N, C-alpha and C. Protein backbone atom coordinates (compact mmCIF):
# COMPACT_ATOMS: atom_id res chain seq x y z
N MET A 1 -5.16 -1.89 -24.55
CA MET A 1 -4.36 -2.46 -23.46
C MET A 1 -3.78 -1.34 -22.61
N SER A 2 -3.80 -1.52 -21.28
CA SER A 2 -3.30 -0.47 -20.39
C SER A 2 -1.78 -0.38 -20.42
N GLN A 3 -1.28 0.70 -19.92
CA GLN A 3 0.15 0.97 -19.90
C GLN A 3 0.90 -0.05 -19.04
N LYS A 4 2.03 -0.53 -19.55
CA LYS A 4 2.87 -1.48 -18.82
C LYS A 4 3.78 -0.75 -17.83
N VAL A 5 3.97 -1.35 -16.66
CA VAL A 5 4.97 -0.87 -15.71
C VAL A 5 5.66 -2.09 -15.10
N VAL A 6 6.92 -1.94 -14.79
CA VAL A 6 7.65 -2.98 -14.07
C VAL A 6 7.55 -2.67 -12.58
N VAL A 7 7.24 -3.68 -11.78
CA VAL A 7 7.17 -3.51 -10.33
C VAL A 7 8.19 -4.44 -9.69
N ILE A 8 9.16 -3.86 -8.97
CA ILE A 8 10.08 -4.69 -8.20
C ILE A 8 9.31 -5.20 -7.00
N TYR A 9 9.06 -6.50 -7.00
CA TYR A 9 8.14 -7.09 -6.03
C TYR A 9 8.85 -8.15 -5.20
N SER A 10 9.18 -7.82 -3.97
CA SER A 10 9.92 -8.74 -3.10
C SER A 10 9.01 -9.76 -2.43
N GLY A 11 7.75 -9.40 -2.23
CA GLY A 11 6.84 -10.22 -1.45
C GLY A 11 6.57 -9.63 -0.08
N GLY A 12 7.24 -8.51 0.23
CA GLY A 12 7.05 -7.83 1.50
C GLY A 12 5.86 -6.89 1.48
N MET A 13 5.56 -6.30 2.64
CA MET A 13 4.43 -5.38 2.78
C MET A 13 4.48 -4.21 1.82
N ASP A 14 5.67 -3.62 1.74
CA ASP A 14 5.80 -2.38 0.96
C ASP A 14 5.58 -2.65 -0.54
N SER A 15 6.29 -3.64 -1.06
CA SER A 15 6.17 -3.92 -2.49
C SER A 15 4.81 -4.50 -2.84
N TYR A 16 4.19 -5.21 -1.90
CA TYR A 16 2.82 -5.72 -2.10
C TYR A 16 1.85 -4.56 -2.27
N THR A 17 2.04 -3.53 -1.46
CA THR A 17 1.18 -2.35 -1.57
C THR A 17 1.47 -1.59 -2.86
N VAL A 18 2.74 -1.49 -3.21
CA VAL A 18 3.12 -0.83 -4.47
C VAL A 18 2.52 -1.56 -5.67
N LEU A 19 2.57 -2.88 -5.65
CA LEU A 19 2.00 -3.67 -6.74
C LEU A 19 0.52 -3.35 -6.91
N HIS A 20 -0.20 -3.31 -5.81
CA HIS A 20 -1.63 -3.02 -5.89
C HIS A 20 -1.91 -1.55 -6.21
N LYS A 21 -0.98 -0.69 -5.86
CA LYS A 21 -1.11 0.73 -6.25
C LYS A 21 -1.10 0.85 -7.77
N ALA A 22 -0.19 0.12 -8.39
CA ALA A 22 -0.12 0.14 -9.86
C ALA A 22 -1.40 -0.41 -10.47
N ILE A 23 -1.92 -1.49 -9.88
CA ILE A 23 -3.17 -2.08 -10.38
C ILE A 23 -4.32 -1.09 -10.22
N GLU A 24 -4.38 -0.43 -9.05
CA GLU A 24 -5.44 0.55 -8.78
C GLU A 24 -5.40 1.70 -9.79
N GLU A 25 -4.19 2.04 -10.22
CA GLU A 25 -4.03 3.14 -11.18
C GLU A 25 -4.34 2.72 -12.61
N GLY A 26 -4.78 1.49 -12.79
CA GLY A 26 -5.18 1.02 -14.11
C GLY A 26 -4.02 0.58 -14.99
N LEU A 27 -2.87 0.32 -14.37
CA LEU A 27 -1.68 -0.08 -15.12
C LEU A 27 -1.57 -1.60 -15.18
N THR A 28 -0.77 -2.08 -16.10
CA THR A 28 -0.51 -3.52 -16.22
C THR A 28 0.87 -3.80 -15.64
N PRO A 29 0.92 -4.39 -14.44
CA PRO A 29 2.22 -4.61 -13.81
C PRO A 29 2.92 -5.87 -14.32
N PHE A 30 4.21 -5.75 -14.52
CA PHE A 30 5.08 -6.88 -14.80
C PHE A 30 5.98 -7.00 -13.57
N ALA A 31 5.67 -7.98 -12.73
CA ALA A 31 6.36 -8.11 -11.45
C ALA A 31 7.73 -8.77 -11.64
N LEU A 32 8.70 -8.24 -10.92
CA LEU A 32 10.08 -8.71 -11.02
C LEU A 32 10.59 -8.97 -9.60
N THR A 33 10.90 -10.24 -9.31
CA THR A 33 11.39 -10.63 -7.99
C THR A 33 12.81 -11.14 -8.13
N PHE A 34 13.68 -10.69 -7.24
CA PHE A 34 15.09 -11.08 -7.32
C PHE A 34 15.47 -12.02 -6.19
N ASP A 35 16.08 -13.13 -6.57
CA ASP A 35 16.69 -14.03 -5.60
C ASP A 35 18.16 -13.65 -5.52
N TYR A 36 18.52 -12.90 -4.47
CA TYR A 36 19.91 -12.48 -4.32
C TYR A 36 20.60 -13.24 -3.19
N GLY A 37 20.01 -14.40 -2.84
CA GLY A 37 20.58 -15.22 -1.79
C GLY A 37 20.12 -14.84 -0.41
N GLN A 38 19.00 -14.10 -0.32
CA GLN A 38 18.49 -13.66 0.97
C GLN A 38 18.06 -14.85 1.83
N ARG A 39 18.33 -14.77 3.12
CA ARG A 39 17.96 -15.86 4.02
C ARG A 39 16.45 -15.97 4.16
N HIS A 40 15.76 -14.86 4.00
CA HIS A 40 14.30 -14.86 4.07
C HIS A 40 13.69 -15.16 2.70
N VAL A 41 14.10 -16.30 2.15
CA VAL A 41 13.66 -16.71 0.81
C VAL A 41 12.15 -16.93 0.77
N LYS A 42 11.53 -17.05 1.94
CA LYS A 42 10.08 -17.23 1.99
C LYS A 42 9.34 -16.09 1.31
N GLU A 43 9.93 -14.90 1.29
CA GLU A 43 9.28 -13.76 0.63
C GLU A 43 9.11 -14.02 -0.86
N ILE A 44 10.03 -14.76 -1.46
CA ILE A 44 9.93 -15.09 -2.89
C ILE A 44 8.75 -16.03 -3.12
N GLU A 45 8.57 -17.01 -2.23
CA GLU A 45 7.45 -17.94 -2.34
C GLU A 45 6.12 -17.19 -2.23
N VAL A 46 6.05 -16.24 -1.31
CA VAL A 46 4.84 -15.44 -1.11
C VAL A 46 4.55 -14.60 -2.36
N ALA A 47 5.59 -14.00 -2.91
CA ALA A 47 5.43 -13.18 -4.12
C ALA A 47 4.89 -14.02 -5.27
N SER A 48 5.42 -15.21 -5.42
CA SER A 48 4.98 -16.11 -6.50
C SER A 48 3.51 -16.46 -6.36
N GLU A 49 3.09 -16.76 -5.13
CA GLU A 49 1.70 -17.14 -4.88
C GLU A 49 0.75 -16.00 -5.21
N VAL A 50 1.12 -14.77 -4.83
CA VAL A 50 0.27 -13.61 -5.09
C VAL A 50 0.13 -13.37 -6.59
N CYS A 51 1.24 -13.45 -7.31
CA CYS A 51 1.20 -13.19 -8.75
C CYS A 51 0.39 -14.26 -9.50
N LYS A 52 0.47 -15.50 -9.04
CA LYS A 52 -0.35 -16.55 -9.64
C LYS A 52 -1.82 -16.29 -9.39
N GLU A 53 -2.14 -15.89 -8.16
CA GLU A 53 -3.53 -15.62 -7.81
C GLU A 53 -4.11 -14.48 -8.62
N LEU A 54 -3.29 -13.45 -8.87
CA LEU A 54 -3.75 -12.26 -9.59
C LEU A 54 -3.52 -12.36 -11.10
N ASN A 55 -2.92 -13.48 -11.53
CA ASN A 55 -2.61 -13.69 -12.95
C ASN A 55 -1.73 -12.57 -13.51
N ILE A 56 -0.69 -12.23 -12.73
CA ILE A 56 0.24 -11.17 -13.11
C ILE A 56 1.49 -11.78 -13.72
N ASN A 57 1.97 -11.20 -14.80
CA ASN A 57 3.23 -11.63 -15.39
C ASN A 57 4.33 -11.46 -14.35
N HIS A 58 5.05 -12.55 -14.06
CA HIS A 58 6.00 -12.54 -12.95
C HIS A 58 7.27 -13.26 -13.33
N LYS A 59 8.39 -12.62 -13.12
CA LYS A 59 9.69 -13.24 -13.33
C LYS A 59 10.46 -13.26 -12.00
N ILE A 60 11.03 -14.41 -11.69
CA ILE A 60 11.92 -14.54 -10.53
C ILE A 60 13.33 -14.73 -11.09
N ILE A 61 14.21 -13.78 -10.79
CA ILE A 61 15.54 -13.75 -11.40
C ILE A 61 16.60 -14.13 -10.36
N ASP A 62 17.38 -15.13 -10.68
CA ASP A 62 18.45 -15.60 -9.81
C ASP A 62 19.70 -14.76 -10.03
N ILE A 63 20.05 -13.94 -9.04
CA ILE A 63 21.28 -13.16 -9.12
C ILE A 63 22.18 -13.47 -7.93
N THR A 64 22.05 -14.70 -7.42
CA THR A 64 22.83 -15.09 -6.24
C THR A 64 24.33 -15.01 -6.48
N ALA A 65 24.75 -15.03 -7.74
CA ALA A 65 26.19 -14.95 -8.03
C ALA A 65 26.81 -13.66 -7.53
N ILE A 66 26.02 -12.62 -7.31
CA ILE A 66 26.60 -11.35 -6.85
C ILE A 66 27.18 -11.47 -5.45
N ASN A 67 26.80 -12.52 -4.72
CA ASN A 67 27.32 -12.68 -3.37
C ASN A 67 28.80 -13.07 -3.34
N GLN A 68 29.35 -13.39 -4.51
CA GLN A 68 30.79 -13.58 -4.61
C GLN A 68 31.52 -12.24 -4.47
N LEU A 69 30.79 -11.15 -4.73
CA LEU A 69 31.37 -9.81 -4.70
C LEU A 69 30.89 -8.98 -3.52
N ILE A 70 29.66 -9.23 -3.09
CA ILE A 70 29.03 -8.40 -2.07
C ILE A 70 28.80 -9.21 -0.81
N GLY A 71 29.39 -8.82 0.29
CA GLY A 71 29.25 -9.58 1.53
C GLY A 71 29.02 -8.67 2.72
N GLY A 72 29.04 -9.28 3.89
CA GLY A 72 28.94 -8.52 5.13
C GLY A 72 27.55 -8.22 5.60
N SER A 73 26.52 -8.83 4.95
CA SER A 73 25.14 -8.56 5.36
C SER A 73 24.53 -9.81 5.98
N SER A 74 23.79 -9.64 7.06
CA SER A 74 23.11 -10.77 7.69
C SER A 74 21.97 -11.30 6.83
N LEU A 75 21.56 -10.53 5.82
CA LEU A 75 20.49 -11.00 4.94
C LEU A 75 20.97 -12.07 3.98
N THR A 76 22.27 -12.07 3.70
CA THR A 76 22.80 -13.03 2.73
C THR A 76 23.85 -13.97 3.31
N ASP A 77 24.31 -13.70 4.50
CA ASP A 77 25.35 -14.52 5.14
C ASP A 77 24.79 -15.11 6.43
N THR A 78 24.52 -16.41 6.43
CA THR A 78 23.89 -17.04 7.59
C THR A 78 24.83 -17.16 8.79
N SER A 79 26.11 -16.84 8.58
CA SER A 79 27.04 -16.84 9.72
C SER A 79 26.93 -15.56 10.54
N ILE A 80 26.22 -14.56 9.99
CA ILE A 80 25.99 -13.30 10.70
C ILE A 80 24.56 -13.31 11.22
N GLU A 81 24.39 -13.16 12.51
CA GLU A 81 23.07 -13.22 13.11
C GLU A 81 22.28 -11.94 12.84
N VAL A 82 21.01 -12.11 12.49
CA VAL A 82 20.13 -10.95 12.31
C VAL A 82 19.89 -10.30 13.67
N ALA A 83 20.16 -9.01 13.76
CA ALA A 83 20.00 -8.30 15.03
C ALA A 83 18.53 -8.23 15.45
N THR A 84 18.30 -8.24 16.74
CA THR A 84 16.95 -8.05 17.26
C THR A 84 16.84 -6.65 17.85
N GLY A 85 15.63 -6.20 18.03
CA GLY A 85 15.43 -4.87 18.60
C GLY A 85 14.85 -3.89 17.61
N ASP A 86 14.77 -2.64 18.02
CA ASP A 86 14.10 -1.61 17.23
C ASP A 86 14.73 -1.42 15.86
N TYR A 87 13.87 -0.88 14.97
CA TYR A 87 14.28 -0.61 13.59
C TYR A 87 15.04 0.72 13.56
N ASP A 88 16.32 0.65 13.99
CA ASP A 88 17.13 1.86 13.95
C ASP A 88 18.49 1.53 13.36
N ASN A 89 19.28 2.55 13.15
CA ASN A 89 20.54 2.39 12.42
C ASN A 89 21.49 1.41 13.09
N ASP A 90 21.61 1.49 14.42
CA ASP A 90 22.54 0.61 15.13
C ASP A 90 22.17 -0.85 14.98
N ASN A 91 20.88 -1.15 15.07
CA ASN A 91 20.44 -2.53 14.98
C ASN A 91 20.43 -3.06 13.55
N MET A 92 20.13 -2.20 12.59
CA MET A 92 19.88 -2.66 11.24
C MET A 92 21.07 -2.56 10.30
N VAL A 93 22.18 -2.00 10.78
CA VAL A 93 23.31 -1.76 9.89
C VAL A 93 23.83 -3.05 9.26
N ASN A 94 23.73 -4.18 9.98
CA ASN A 94 24.27 -5.41 9.39
C ASN A 94 23.31 -6.07 8.40
N THR A 95 22.15 -5.43 8.16
CA THR A 95 21.23 -5.94 7.14
C THR A 95 21.43 -5.22 5.80
N VAL A 96 22.32 -4.26 5.76
CA VAL A 96 22.57 -3.53 4.51
C VAL A 96 23.31 -4.44 3.52
N VAL A 97 22.75 -4.60 2.33
CA VAL A 97 23.42 -5.30 1.23
C VAL A 97 23.99 -4.22 0.32
N PRO A 98 25.31 -4.07 0.24
CA PRO A 98 25.92 -2.96 -0.49
C PRO A 98 25.41 -2.85 -1.93
N ASN A 99 24.90 -1.68 -2.26
CA ASN A 99 24.53 -1.35 -3.64
C ASN A 99 23.35 -2.16 -4.17
N ARG A 100 22.61 -2.81 -3.27
CA ARG A 100 21.56 -3.73 -3.73
C ARG A 100 20.55 -3.06 -4.66
N ASN A 101 19.96 -1.95 -4.21
CA ASN A 101 18.89 -1.35 -5.01
C ASN A 101 19.39 -0.78 -6.33
N MET A 102 20.63 -0.33 -6.35
CA MET A 102 21.19 0.16 -7.62
C MET A 102 21.29 -0.98 -8.63
N ILE A 103 21.69 -2.15 -8.14
CA ILE A 103 21.78 -3.34 -9.01
C ILE A 103 20.38 -3.75 -9.48
N LEU A 104 19.46 -3.86 -8.54
CA LEU A 104 18.11 -4.30 -8.88
C LEU A 104 17.41 -3.33 -9.83
N LEU A 105 17.56 -2.05 -9.56
CA LEU A 105 16.91 -1.05 -10.42
C LEU A 105 17.52 -1.03 -11.81
N SER A 106 18.82 -1.23 -11.91
CA SER A 106 19.45 -1.27 -13.23
C SER A 106 18.88 -2.41 -14.07
N LEU A 107 18.72 -3.58 -13.44
CA LEU A 107 18.14 -4.72 -14.15
C LEU A 107 16.68 -4.45 -14.50
N ALA A 108 15.95 -3.85 -13.57
CA ALA A 108 14.53 -3.56 -13.81
C ALA A 108 14.34 -2.54 -14.93
N ILE A 109 15.23 -1.56 -14.99
CA ILE A 109 15.16 -0.57 -16.08
C ILE A 109 15.40 -1.25 -17.42
N GLY A 110 16.39 -2.13 -17.48
CA GLY A 110 16.64 -2.86 -18.72
C GLY A 110 15.44 -3.69 -19.13
N TYR A 111 14.78 -4.32 -18.17
CA TYR A 111 13.58 -5.10 -18.45
C TYR A 111 12.46 -4.19 -18.95
N ALA A 112 12.30 -3.03 -18.31
CA ALA A 112 11.26 -2.09 -18.72
C ALA A 112 11.46 -1.65 -20.17
N VAL A 113 12.69 -1.32 -20.51
CA VAL A 113 12.98 -0.90 -21.89
C VAL A 113 12.64 -2.03 -22.86
N SER A 114 12.97 -3.25 -22.49
CA SER A 114 12.78 -4.39 -23.41
C SER A 114 11.31 -4.71 -23.65
N ILE A 115 10.42 -4.39 -22.69
CA ILE A 115 9.00 -4.71 -22.87
C ILE A 115 8.17 -3.47 -23.19
N GLY A 116 8.82 -2.32 -23.29
CA GLY A 116 8.10 -1.10 -23.63
C GLY A 116 7.36 -0.47 -22.47
N ALA A 117 7.87 -0.66 -21.25
CA ALA A 117 7.30 -0.02 -20.06
C ALA A 117 8.08 1.25 -19.76
N ASP A 118 7.39 2.33 -19.40
CA ASP A 118 8.11 3.59 -19.18
C ASP A 118 8.31 3.94 -17.71
N LYS A 119 7.90 3.01 -16.81
CA LYS A 119 8.12 3.25 -15.38
C LYS A 119 8.52 1.96 -14.67
N VAL A 120 9.35 2.15 -13.64
CA VAL A 120 9.70 1.06 -12.73
C VAL A 120 9.25 1.48 -11.35
N TYR A 121 8.34 0.73 -10.77
CA TYR A 121 7.84 1.01 -9.42
C TYR A 121 8.68 0.25 -8.40
N TYR A 122 9.07 0.93 -7.31
CA TYR A 122 9.70 0.20 -6.21
C TYR A 122 9.36 0.85 -4.88
N GLY A 123 9.48 0.04 -3.80
CA GLY A 123 8.85 0.40 -2.53
C GLY A 123 9.71 1.08 -1.49
N ALA A 124 10.65 1.91 -1.89
CA ALA A 124 11.42 2.66 -0.89
C ALA A 124 10.49 3.57 -0.10
N HIS A 125 10.78 3.74 1.19
CA HIS A 125 9.96 4.63 2.01
C HIS A 125 10.83 5.35 3.03
N SER A 126 10.24 6.35 3.68
CA SER A 126 11.03 7.25 4.54
C SER A 126 11.62 6.55 5.75
N GLY A 127 10.99 5.47 6.21
CA GLY A 127 11.52 4.75 7.35
C GLY A 127 12.86 4.10 7.08
N ASP A 128 13.20 3.94 5.80
CA ASP A 128 14.46 3.31 5.40
C ASP A 128 15.58 4.31 5.14
N HIS A 129 15.28 5.60 5.09
CA HIS A 129 16.25 6.59 4.62
C HIS A 129 17.55 6.59 5.40
N GLU A 130 17.45 6.52 6.72
CA GLU A 130 18.66 6.61 7.54
C GLU A 130 19.47 5.32 7.55
N ILE A 131 18.80 4.20 7.29
CA ILE A 131 19.46 2.89 7.37
C ILE A 131 20.03 2.47 6.02
N TYR A 132 19.21 2.60 4.99
CA TYR A 132 19.60 2.13 3.66
C TYR A 132 19.82 3.33 2.73
N PRO A 133 21.07 3.62 2.38
CA PRO A 133 21.34 4.80 1.55
C PRO A 133 20.69 4.74 0.18
N ASP A 134 20.43 3.52 -0.31
CA ASP A 134 19.81 3.40 -1.63
C ASP A 134 18.28 3.39 -1.56
N CYS A 135 17.74 3.96 -0.48
CA CYS A 135 16.30 4.20 -0.38
C CYS A 135 16.00 5.69 -0.21
N ARG A 136 17.04 6.52 -0.23
CA ARG A 136 16.86 7.96 -0.01
C ARG A 136 16.35 8.66 -1.27
N PRO A 137 15.61 9.75 -1.11
CA PRO A 137 15.12 10.49 -2.27
C PRO A 137 16.23 10.89 -3.24
N ILE A 138 17.40 11.29 -2.71
CA ILE A 138 18.48 11.70 -3.60
C ILE A 138 18.97 10.54 -4.45
N PHE A 139 18.91 9.32 -3.92
CA PHE A 139 19.30 8.15 -4.71
C PHE A 139 18.33 7.95 -5.87
N VAL A 140 17.03 8.03 -5.59
CA VAL A 140 16.03 7.88 -6.65
C VAL A 140 16.20 8.97 -7.70
N GLU A 141 16.44 10.20 -7.23
CA GLU A 141 16.65 11.33 -8.14
C GLU A 141 17.85 11.09 -9.07
N LYS A 142 18.96 10.66 -8.49
CA LYS A 142 20.17 10.47 -9.29
C LYS A 142 20.04 9.25 -10.22
N MET A 143 19.37 8.20 -9.74
CA MET A 143 19.15 7.04 -10.60
C MET A 143 18.28 7.41 -11.80
N ASN A 144 17.31 8.29 -11.56
CA ASN A 144 16.48 8.75 -12.68
C ASN A 144 17.29 9.56 -13.69
N GLU A 145 18.24 10.33 -13.19
CA GLU A 145 19.11 11.08 -14.10
C GLU A 145 19.94 10.13 -14.96
N VAL A 146 20.47 9.10 -14.33
CA VAL A 146 21.26 8.11 -15.07
C VAL A 146 20.38 7.35 -16.06
N ALA A 147 19.18 6.94 -15.61
CA ALA A 147 18.27 6.20 -16.48
C ALA A 147 17.91 6.99 -17.72
N ALA A 148 17.85 8.31 -17.58
CA ALA A 148 17.48 9.17 -18.70
C ALA A 148 18.54 9.19 -19.80
N VAL A 149 19.79 8.87 -19.43
CA VAL A 149 20.86 8.89 -20.44
C VAL A 149 21.39 7.50 -20.76
N ALA A 150 20.96 6.49 -20.00
CA ALA A 150 21.47 5.14 -20.20
C ALA A 150 20.82 4.45 -21.40
N ASN A 151 19.61 4.90 -21.75
CA ASN A 151 18.88 4.32 -22.88
C ASN A 151 18.25 5.44 -23.71
N TYR A 152 17.95 5.15 -24.95
CA TYR A 152 17.25 6.13 -25.77
C TYR A 152 15.79 6.22 -25.35
N GLU A 153 15.25 5.12 -24.81
CA GLU A 153 13.88 5.11 -24.33
C GLU A 153 13.82 5.68 -22.92
N LYS A 154 12.84 6.52 -22.67
CA LYS A 154 12.71 7.16 -21.36
C LYS A 154 12.07 6.18 -20.37
N THR A 155 12.73 5.97 -19.24
CA THR A 155 12.20 5.11 -18.17
C THR A 155 12.35 5.84 -16.84
N GLU A 156 11.25 5.95 -16.11
CA GLU A 156 11.27 6.64 -14.83
C GLU A 156 11.17 5.66 -13.67
N ILE A 157 12.00 5.85 -12.65
CA ILE A 157 11.88 5.10 -11.40
C ILE A 157 10.87 5.85 -10.53
N TYR A 158 9.84 5.13 -10.10
CA TYR A 158 8.76 5.76 -9.35
C TYR A 158 8.58 5.04 -8.01
N SER A 159 8.67 5.80 -6.94
CA SER A 159 8.50 5.27 -5.58
C SER A 159 7.33 5.98 -4.93
N PRO A 160 6.12 5.44 -5.04
CA PRO A 160 4.92 6.16 -4.57
C PRO A 160 4.91 6.46 -3.08
N TYR A 161 5.70 5.72 -2.30
CA TYR A 161 5.69 5.92 -0.85
C TYR A 161 7.03 6.45 -0.33
N LEU A 162 7.75 7.11 -1.19
CA LEU A 162 9.09 7.59 -0.83
C LEU A 162 9.05 8.53 0.37
N LYS A 163 7.98 9.28 0.53
CA LYS A 163 7.88 10.23 1.64
C LYS A 163 6.94 9.74 2.74
N SER A 164 6.56 8.47 2.67
CA SER A 164 5.71 7.87 3.69
C SER A 164 6.51 6.86 4.50
N ASN A 165 6.03 6.54 5.69
CA ASN A 165 6.63 5.46 6.47
C ASN A 165 5.74 4.22 6.35
N LYS A 166 6.12 3.14 7.05
CA LYS A 166 5.35 1.89 6.91
C LYS A 166 3.94 2.04 7.46
N ILE A 167 3.78 2.91 8.46
CA ILE A 167 2.43 3.15 9.00
C ILE A 167 1.54 3.73 7.90
N GLY A 168 2.08 4.69 7.15
CA GLY A 168 1.32 5.31 6.06
C GLY A 168 1.07 4.36 4.91
N ILE A 169 2.05 3.52 4.62
CA ILE A 169 1.90 2.54 3.55
C ILE A 169 0.76 1.57 3.89
N LEU A 170 0.78 1.07 5.13
CA LEU A 170 -0.28 0.16 5.56
C LEU A 170 -1.64 0.84 5.52
N LYS A 171 -1.69 2.09 5.93
CA LYS A 171 -2.95 2.83 5.90
C LYS A 171 -3.53 2.88 4.49
N ASP A 172 -2.66 3.10 3.51
CA ASP A 172 -3.14 3.15 2.12
C ASP A 172 -3.57 1.75 1.66
N GLY A 173 -2.84 0.74 2.10
CA GLY A 173 -3.22 -0.63 1.76
C GLY A 173 -4.55 -1.02 2.35
N ILE A 174 -4.81 -0.57 3.58
CA ILE A 174 -6.11 -0.83 4.22
C ILE A 174 -7.22 -0.17 3.41
N ARG A 175 -6.94 1.05 2.96
CA ARG A 175 -7.92 1.75 2.12
C ARG A 175 -8.24 0.93 0.86
N MET A 176 -7.21 0.26 0.32
CA MET A 176 -7.41 -0.55 -0.89
C MET A 176 -7.98 -1.94 -0.57
N GLY A 177 -8.16 -2.23 0.72
CA GLY A 177 -8.73 -3.52 1.10
C GLY A 177 -7.78 -4.69 0.95
N LEU A 178 -6.48 -4.46 1.13
CA LEU A 178 -5.49 -5.50 0.90
C LEU A 178 -5.39 -6.49 2.06
N ASP A 179 -5.02 -7.70 1.72
CA ASP A 179 -4.87 -8.78 2.69
C ASP A 179 -3.38 -9.01 2.95
N TYR A 180 -2.91 -8.53 4.10
CA TYR A 180 -1.48 -8.59 4.39
C TYR A 180 -1.03 -9.95 4.95
N SER A 181 -1.95 -10.90 5.02
CA SER A 181 -1.52 -12.27 5.34
C SER A 181 -0.75 -12.86 4.16
N LYS A 182 -0.83 -12.18 3.02
CA LYS A 182 -0.16 -12.63 1.80
C LYS A 182 1.19 -11.94 1.61
N THR A 183 1.79 -11.51 2.71
CA THR A 183 3.09 -10.83 2.65
C THR A 183 4.04 -11.46 3.66
N TRP A 184 5.32 -11.21 3.47
CA TRP A 184 6.35 -11.68 4.41
C TRP A 184 7.35 -10.57 4.65
N THR A 185 7.62 -10.28 5.91
CA THR A 185 8.50 -9.16 6.27
C THR A 185 9.73 -9.60 7.06
N CYS A 186 9.61 -10.65 7.86
CA CYS A 186 10.67 -11.06 8.78
C CYS A 186 11.97 -11.38 8.05
N TYR A 187 13.08 -10.89 8.59
CA TYR A 187 14.39 -11.14 8.00
C TYR A 187 14.91 -12.56 8.28
N ASN A 188 14.28 -13.24 9.23
CA ASN A 188 14.60 -14.65 9.47
C ASN A 188 13.63 -15.49 8.65
N GLY A 189 14.13 -16.36 7.85
CA GLY A 189 13.27 -17.10 6.92
C GLY A 189 12.70 -18.38 7.49
N ARG A 190 12.18 -18.33 8.71
CA ARG A 190 11.62 -19.53 9.32
C ARG A 190 10.12 -19.65 9.00
N GLU A 191 9.51 -20.69 9.54
CA GLU A 191 8.10 -20.95 9.25
C GLU A 191 7.20 -19.80 9.72
N LYS A 192 7.49 -19.27 10.91
CA LYS A 192 6.76 -18.13 11.43
C LYS A 192 7.69 -16.93 11.53
N ALA A 193 7.12 -15.74 11.51
CA ALA A 193 7.91 -14.53 11.71
C ALA A 193 8.44 -14.50 13.13
N CYS A 194 9.68 -14.01 13.31
CA CYS A 194 10.30 -14.07 14.64
C CYS A 194 9.68 -13.09 15.63
N GLY A 195 9.22 -11.93 15.14
CA GLY A 195 8.64 -10.92 16.01
C GLY A 195 9.65 -10.10 16.79
N LEU A 196 10.94 -10.38 16.55
CA LEU A 196 11.99 -9.72 17.33
C LEU A 196 12.95 -8.88 16.50
N CYS A 197 13.10 -9.22 15.24
CA CYS A 197 14.02 -8.44 14.40
C CYS A 197 13.42 -7.07 14.12
N GLY A 198 14.26 -6.13 13.72
CA GLY A 198 13.80 -4.77 13.47
C GLY A 198 12.69 -4.70 12.45
N SER A 199 12.76 -5.55 11.43
CA SER A 199 11.76 -5.54 10.38
C SER A 199 10.40 -5.97 10.91
N CYS A 200 10.38 -7.00 11.76
CA CYS A 200 9.13 -7.44 12.38
C CYS A 200 8.57 -6.36 13.30
N ILE A 201 9.45 -5.76 14.10
CA ILE A 201 9.00 -4.74 15.05
C ILE A 201 8.37 -3.55 14.33
N GLU A 202 8.99 -3.14 13.23
CA GLU A 202 8.43 -2.03 12.46
C GLU A 202 7.07 -2.40 11.88
N ARG A 203 6.94 -3.62 11.40
CA ARG A 203 5.67 -4.08 10.84
C ARG A 203 4.59 -4.12 11.93
N LEU A 204 4.92 -4.69 13.07
CA LEU A 204 3.95 -4.78 14.16
C LEU A 204 3.51 -3.40 14.63
N GLU A 205 4.45 -2.46 14.65
CA GLU A 205 4.11 -1.09 15.04
C GLU A 205 3.13 -0.48 14.05
N ALA A 206 3.34 -0.75 12.75
CA ALA A 206 2.45 -0.21 11.73
C ALA A 206 1.02 -0.70 11.93
N PHE A 207 0.86 -1.99 12.23
CA PHE A 207 -0.48 -2.52 12.48
C PHE A 207 -1.08 -1.91 13.74
N LYS A 208 -0.27 -1.80 14.78
CA LYS A 208 -0.75 -1.22 16.04
C LYS A 208 -1.23 0.21 15.84
N GLU A 209 -0.44 1.00 15.11
CA GLU A 209 -0.79 2.41 14.89
C GLU A 209 -2.02 2.56 14.01
N ASN A 210 -2.32 1.53 13.22
CA ASN A 210 -3.53 1.55 12.39
C ASN A 210 -4.70 0.84 13.07
N GLY A 211 -4.52 0.46 14.35
CA GLY A 211 -5.60 -0.15 15.12
C GLY A 211 -5.98 -1.55 14.69
N LEU A 212 -5.00 -2.29 14.15
CA LEU A 212 -5.26 -3.64 13.65
C LEU A 212 -4.28 -4.64 14.23
N SER A 213 -4.62 -5.91 14.13
CA SER A 213 -3.72 -6.99 14.48
C SER A 213 -3.11 -7.54 13.19
N ASP A 214 -1.84 -7.87 13.24
CA ASP A 214 -1.15 -8.45 12.09
C ASP A 214 -1.71 -9.85 11.83
N PRO A 215 -2.11 -10.15 10.59
CA PRO A 215 -2.73 -11.45 10.30
C PRO A 215 -1.75 -12.62 10.17
N ILE A 216 -0.44 -12.37 10.18
CA ILE A 216 0.50 -13.49 10.04
C ILE A 216 0.87 -14.04 11.41
N ALA A 217 1.40 -15.26 11.43
CA ALA A 217 1.76 -15.92 12.68
C ALA A 217 3.18 -15.56 13.11
N TYR A 218 3.35 -15.38 14.44
CA TYR A 218 4.64 -15.03 15.00
C TYR A 218 5.11 -16.08 16.00
N GLU A 219 6.40 -16.19 16.16
CA GLU A 219 6.98 -17.11 17.15
C GLU A 219 6.77 -16.62 18.57
N VAL A 220 6.73 -15.29 18.74
CA VAL A 220 6.56 -14.71 20.08
C VAL A 220 5.37 -13.76 20.10
């Protein structure tokens, strides 16, 4: 049996590529999706469909209770409008969920230890560094230091695209022959992607720079 790894799998482009990266490397992924009350809950549905299709062990964990403690993000509070425009710090600051990745990674590490997996894969990338502090290389480095002393079993947090942007991630996914119609990126959880939020704009740019059209449907 191949080596087990836990993959934090949101259903978005980045984690979809990370999931297939683990498969390409001959590993056995145990996908972990978190319901933290995000308005774009459609990404969870997409993640579930992909894991069923690939016959991947998949857990969807409800941690919506954390929203009693963590607020101020348009991703979890529908009274705050998701900003439109470019994927930059000014536009995206209200999408930050405080301490989100630290919480998710802590749970994923515990899961990895319990099933005998020595790595946790997650999809942080360089395009997120300035906006989301818990996607920076120093965060991954420090979390790995903590993980090394938090359990007797060694567990490494691995971000294969930490130094790549979404354009590079998509390029690698194209090389792997991936179908990105099976992903969801838009921060608005409607039937079609809005095409206006920073997350959509970044995704569309990645397809444009790779000379392709995005296979999902947009409102605009």
